[in-house]
Amino acid sequence: MGYSELMYIHLLTVIPCFFIGTIVLLIKKGTIIHKELGRIYMLLILITAVITLFMPAQVGPKFFNHFGWIHSFSFLTIYTVPTAYLAIKKMKCKIA
């Protein structure tokens, strides 16, 4: 799969995240719709992060002739999304 195909898949997953994330931030926390949209958001953003790891950096210095500084956000997302999900499941988060 080439860079262009990965870019379009990336856009198909990240654009809905913008709108879903905005809605999740604006609606009341703890409601069914908040939880369901949150799950969809987490899944889409995780897919987005994984996809970007297969896209070589186009600007700036590269590590291993592939990864750029922007990939650090992908690694951060791949760590924080499951961490947040586990915290939610263990009820170690506060609903304001």
Protein backbone atom coordinates (compact mmCIF):
# COMPACT_ATOMS: atom_id res chain seq x y z
CA MET A 1 0.00 0.00 0.00
CA GLY A 2 1.43 3.35 -1.04
CA TYR A 3 1.67 6.64 0.78
CA SER A 4 -1.38 8.09 -0.99
CA GLU A 5 -3.63 5.22 0.04
CA LEU A 6 -2.42 5.44 3.64
CA MET A 7 -2.99 9.20 3.60
CA TYR A 8 -6.61 8.78 2.49
CA ILE A 9 -7.29 6.08 5.08
CA HIS A 10 -5.69 8.35 7.69
CA LEU A 11 -8.00 11.19 6.65
CA LEU A 12 -11.06 8.90 6.74
CA THR A 13 -10.30 8.07 10.36
CA VAL A 14 -9.05 11.41 11.66
CA ILE A 15 -11.72 13.73 10.21
CA PRO A 16 -14.58 12.00 12.08
CA CYS A 17 -12.41 12.20 15.23
CA PHE A 18 -12.48 15.98 15.03
CA PHE A 19 -16.27 16.12 15.00
CA ILE A 20 -16.83 13.27 17.46
CA GLY A 21 -14.23 14.70 19.84
CA THR A 22 -15.90 18.10 19.72
CA ILE A 23 -19.30 16.59 20.51
CA VAL A 24 -17.88 14.45 23.34
CA LEU A 25 -16.32 17.55 24.91
CA LEU A 26 -19.56 19.54 24.68
CA ILE A 27 -22.13 17.02 25.92
CA LYS A 28 -22.68 15.92 29.50
CA LYS A 29 -20.17 13.36 30.73
CA GLY A 30 -21.32 9.90 31.77
CA THR A 31 -24.33 9.72 29.46
CA ILE A 32 -24.83 6.77 27.13
CA ILE A 33 -24.17 8.91 24.04
CA HIS A 34 -20.99 10.31 25.63
CA LYS A 35 -19.72 6.81 26.36
CA GLU A 36 -20.56 5.40 22.94
CA LEU A 37 -19.09 8.35 21.05
CA GLY A 38 -16.03 8.14 23.31
CA ARG A 39 -15.52 4.48 22.38
CA ILE A 40 -15.83 5.29 18.68
CA TYR A 41 -13.41 8.21 19.09
CA MET A 42 -10.85 6.07 20.91
CA LEU A 43 -11.02 3.33 18.29
CA LEU A 44 -10.71 5.74 15.37
CA ILE A 45 -7.83 7.70 16.91
CA LEU A 46 -5.99 4.45 17.70
CA ILE A 47 -6.43 3.25 14.12
CA THR A 48 -5.20 6.64 12.92
CA ALA A 49 -2.07 6.40 15.07
CA VAL A 50 -1.24 2.91 13.82
CA ILE A 51 -1.75 3.93 10.18
CA THR A 52 0.61 6.88 10.55
CA LEU A 53 3.41 4.57 11.67
CA PHE A 54 3.40 3.06 8.18
CA MET A 55 3.66 6.50 6.54
CA PRO A 56 7.28 7.60 6.15
CA ALA A 57 8.15 11.10 7.30
CA GLN A 58 8.15 13.62 4.47
CA VAL A 59 9.70 16.60 6.26
CA GLY A 60 12.71 17.03 8.52
CA PRO A 61 15.18 14.50 9.84
CA LYS A 62 14.34 10.81 9.75
CA PHE A 63 15.17 8.03 12.17
CA PHE A 64 15.79 4.60 10.61
CA ASN A 65 15.11 6.32 7.28
CA HIS A 66 11.35 6.31 8.08
CA PHE A 67 10.26 7.89 11.37
CA GLY A 68 10.17 11.64 11.90
CA TRP A 69 9.39 13.77 14.93
CA ILE A 70 5.67 13.71 14.06
CA HIS A 71 5.63 9.97 14.72
CA SER A 72 6.20 10.66 18.41
CA PHE A 73 2.52 11.71 18.55
CA SER A 74 1.55 8.32 17.13
CA PHE A 75 3.55 6.48 19.79
CA LEU A 76 2.10 8.73 22.49
CA THR A 77 -1.44 8.03 21.25
CA ILE A 78 -0.83 4.28 21.09
CA TYR A 79 0.23 4.44 24.75
CA THR A 80 -2.36 6.87 26.11
CA VAL A 81 -5.54 5.51 24.49
CA PRO A 82 -5.31 2.03 26.08
CA THR A 83 -4.12 3.61 29.33
CA ALA A 84 -7.17 5.89 29.40
CA TYR A 85 -9.48 3.01 28.48
CA LEU A 86 -8.14 0.89 31.35
CA ALA A 87 -8.50 3.80 33.78
CA ILE A 88 -12.12 4.25 32.70
CA LYS A 89 -12.84 0.52 33.07
CA LYS A 90 -11.27 0.48 36.54
CA MET A 91 -13.29 3.62 37.44
CA LYS A 92 -10.10 5.53 38.22
CA CYS A 93 -11.36 8.66 36.55
CA LYS A 94 -13.56 11.41 37.91
CA ILE A 95 -16.79 12.40 36.21
CA ALA A 96 -17.24 16.14 36.61
